[in-house]
Amino acid sequence: MIAKNPKDSLTILTDMVLPGETNALNNLFGGELLARMDRACSIAAQRHSRRIVVTASVNHVAFNKAVPVGSVVSVEAKVSRAFKSSMEIYVDVWIEDRESGERTKVNEGIYTFVAVDRTGSPVKVPELIPETELEIVRYEGALRRKQLSLLLTGKIKPEQATELKALFEK
């Protein structure tokens, strides 16, 4: 299996926020944005694994700024780390100023997808080799995030969370 780079999975979905997708304040519904993020992450995971993928978890979402009706929204997702059969996908959400074209980051999230075969059984995915400084930071943080999730759900014991322990031993 040939290792891949994050850029190989880059997925950008761009769309406009329509009135039927907004709340009483004329801002994009959070659930609508989550669905767009999930789709972009799914495509990124498929591009990395070249397999059927399923959403395993939404690990983090930050709604930092409202997305008003009429906004042009770009959802950018790419694999930040690959494990045995799972992949962490980091997703950034941007809006574009109509007049200047300037982009503002309004949201981010971290999803986990699992590659499966046609029967739904997990399958191996290619290794990921980060290239840029940001990709390396996200790659390194992914193992800590995975260990924290496993620890919080009782799937590992505290002493098994070696990456988390290392944070506190410095």
Protein backbone atom coordinates (compact mmCIF):
# COMPACT_ATOMS: atom_id res chain seq x y z
CA MET A 1 0.00 0.00 0.00
CA ILE A 2 1.52 3.31 -1.09
CA ALA A 3 1.64 6.15 1.44
CA LYS A 4 -0.15 9.36 0.55
CA ASN A 5 0.11 13.04 1.40
CA PRO A 6 -2.72 15.17 2.83
CA LYS A 7 -2.99 17.12 -0.43
CA ASP A 8 -4.07 13.88 -2.15
CA SER A 9 -7.31 13.94 -0.17
CA LEU A 10 -8.02 17.68 -0.32
CA THR A 11 -11.72 18.28 -0.90
CA ILE A 12 -13.29 21.71 -1.32
CA LEU A 13 -17.06 22.13 -1.45
CA THR A 14 -18.20 25.67 -2.28
CA ASP A 15 -21.81 26.77 -2.19
CA MET A 16 -24.03 29.73 -1.37
CA VAL A 17 -26.22 29.96 1.74
CA LEU A 18 -29.87 30.15 0.67
CA PRO A 19 -32.78 31.49 2.73
CA GLY A 20 -34.28 28.01 3.27
CA GLU A 21 -31.07 26.92 5.02
CA THR A 22 -31.12 29.65 7.67
CA ASN A 23 -32.50 30.20 11.15
CA ALA A 24 -34.59 33.12 12.46
CA LEU A 25 -31.46 35.32 12.49
CA ASN A 26 -30.84 34.59 8.78
CA ASN A 27 -27.69 32.60 9.57
CA LEU A 28 -26.93 29.11 8.29
CA PHE A 29 -28.37 26.36 10.49
CA GLY A 30 -25.61 24.56 12.41
CA GLY A 31 -26.98 21.20 11.29
CA GLU A 32 -26.83 22.25 7.65
CA LEU A 33 -23.19 23.21 8.08
CA LEU A 34 -22.45 19.92 9.86
CA ALA A 35 -23.93 18.00 6.92
CA ARG A 36 -21.75 19.93 4.46
CA MET A 37 -18.70 19.25 6.63
CA ASP A 38 -19.55 15.53 6.86
CA ARG A 39 -19.86 15.27 3.06
CA ALA A 40 -16.52 16.99 2.47
CA CYS A 41 -14.81 14.81 5.09
CA SER A 42 -16.35 11.69 3.56
CA ILE A 43 -14.96 12.55 0.14
CA ALA A 44 -11.52 13.28 1.62
CA ALA A 45 -11.52 9.92 3.43
CA GLN A 46 -12.58 8.13 0.23
CA ARG A 47 -9.83 9.84 -1.73
CA HIS A 48 -7.24 8.73 0.80
CA SER A 49 -8.43 5.14 1.22
CA ARG A 50 -10.10 4.51 -2.15
CA ARG A 51 -12.68 2.55 -0.15
CA ILE A 52 -16.21 2.90 1.17
CA VAL A 53 -16.02 5.04 4.30
CA VAL A 54 -18.35 5.61 7.23
CA THR A 55 -18.44 8.40 9.78
CA ALA A 56 -17.19 7.01 13.10
CA SER A 57 -17.29 10.21 15.13
CA VAL A 58 -17.42 13.95 15.10
CA ASN A 59 -14.62 14.72 17.53
CA HIS A 60 -14.74 18.47 17.57
CA VAL A 61 -16.73 21.29 16.00
CA ALA A 62 -16.30 25.00 16.71
CA PHE A 63 -18.90 27.45 15.47
CA ASN A 64 -16.75 30.55 15.75
CA LYS A 65 -18.73 32.96 13.55
CA ALA A 66 -22.21 33.05 12.08
CA VAL A 67 -22.63 32.38 8.37
CA PRO A 68 -25.20 34.85 6.99
CA VAL A 69 -27.65 34.19 4.18
CA GLY A 70 -26.10 34.90 0.79
CA SER A 71 -22.59 33.98 1.94
CA VAL A 72 -20.31 31.96 -0.28
CA VAL A 73 -19.11 29.12 1.95
CA SER A 74 -16.12 26.86 1.25
CA VAL A 75 -15.70 23.68 3.25
CA GLU A 76 -12.12 22.38 2.96
CA ALA A 77 -11.30 18.91 4.27
CA LYS A 78 -8.26 16.68 4.15
CA VAL A 79 -6.92 13.68 6.02
CA SER A 80 -4.75 14.74 8.94
CA ARG A 81 -3.70 11.22 10.03
CA ALA A 82 -4.33 7.64 9.02
CA PHE A 83 -4.35 4.80 11.53
CA LYS A 84 -5.05 1.12 10.86
CA SER A 85 -8.51 1.47 9.29
CA SER A 86 -9.53 4.88 10.58
CA MET A 87 -8.65 8.34 9.37
CA GLU A 88 -8.85 11.67 11.14
CA ILE A 89 -10.14 14.39 8.82
CA TYR A 90 -9.60 18.06 9.64
CA VAL A 91 -12.11 20.44 8.10
CA ASP A 92 -11.97 24.23 7.86
CA VAL A 93 -14.94 26.40 6.86
CA TRP A 94 -14.43 29.76 5.17
CA ILE A 95 -16.73 32.52 3.99
CA GLU A 96 -15.86 34.93 1.24
CA ASP A 97 -16.56 38.67 1.32
CA ARG A 98 -18.73 39.50 -1.69
CA GLU A 99 -16.90 42.70 -2.55
CA SER A 100 -13.26 42.15 -1.60
CA GLY A 101 -13.06 38.38 -2.02
CA GLU A 102 -11.27 38.21 1.34
CA ARG A 103 -11.77 34.90 3.13
CA THR A 104 -12.58 34.51 6.83
CA LYS A 105 -12.37 31.23 8.72
CA VAL A 106 -15.69 30.74 10.51
CA ASN A 107 -15.64 27.14 11.65
CA GLU A 108 -13.50 24.06 12.01
CA GLY A 109 -14.04 20.47 12.88
CA ILE A 110 -12.37 17.11 13.29
CA TYR A 111 -14.10 13.97 12.08
CA THR A 112 -13.10 10.31 12.17
CA PHE A 113 -13.95 7.96 9.33
CA VAL A 114 -13.38 4.23 8.97
CA ALA A 115 -12.71 2.49 5.67
CA VAL A 116 -14.80 -0.63 5.18
CA ASP A 117 -15.36 -3.36 2.62
CA ARG A 118 -18.73 -4.16 1.05
CA THR A 119 -19.77 -6.16 4.12
CA GLY A 120 -18.99 -3.27 6.47
CA SER A 121 -15.82 -4.79 7.93
CA PRO A 122 -12.91 -2.39 8.54
CA VAL A 123 -10.03 -2.50 6.05
CA LYS A 124 -6.50 -1.10 6.14
CA VAL A 125 -5.80 2.37 4.81
CA PRO A 126 -2.60 3.85 3.40
CA GLU A 127 -0.14 5.62 5.67
CA LEU A 128 -0.21 9.44 5.61
CA ILE A 129 2.93 11.54 5.26
CA PRO A 130 2.38 15.19 6.22
CA GLU A 131 4.35 17.82 4.31
CA THR A 132 3.55 21.33 5.50
CA GLU A 133 4.08 22.75 8.99
CA LEU A 134 0.31 22.83 9.64
CA GLU A 135 -0.08 19.25 8.38
CA ILE A 136 2.68 18.09 10.73
CA VAL A 137 1.06 19.86 13.71
CA ARG A 138 -2.32 18.29 12.92
CA TYR A 139 -0.73 14.88 12.30
CA GLU A 140 1.10 14.91 15.64
CA GLY A 141 -1.99 16.07 17.51
CA ALA A 142 -4.16 13.35 15.99
CA LEU A 143 -2.65 10.58 18.11
CA ARG A 144 -3.25 12.58 21.30
CA ARG A 145 -6.84 13.27 20.22
CA LYS A 146 -7.38 9.59 19.48
CA GLN A 147 -5.96 8.53 22.83
CA LEU A 148 -8.11 11.09 24.65
CA SER A 149 -11.23 9.82 22.90
CA LEU A 150 -10.37 6.20 23.73
CA LEU A 151 -9.64 7.15 27.33
CA LEU A 152 -12.91 9.07 27.75
CA THR A 153 -14.92 6.16 26.35
CA GLY A 154 -13.14 3.64 28.58
CA LYS A 155 -11.51 1.79 25.69
CA ILE A 156 -8.00 2.29 27.09
CA LYS A 157 -6.63 2.75 30.59
CA PRO A 158 -4.88 5.99 31.61
CA GLU A 159 -1.47 4.33 31.58
CA GLN A 160 -2.00 3.34 27.94
CA ALA A 161 -2.43 6.97 26.87
CA THR A 162 1.31 7.46 26.41
CA GLU A 163 1.04 10.54 24.18
CA LEU A 164 -1.22 12.27 26.70
CA LYS A 165 1.04 11.35 29.61
CA ALA A 166 4.01 12.83 27.75
CA LEU A 167 2.25 16.23 27.72
CA PHE A 168 2.28 16.32 31.52
CA GLU A 169 5.79 14.94 32.05
CA LYS A 170 7.52 17.91 30.43
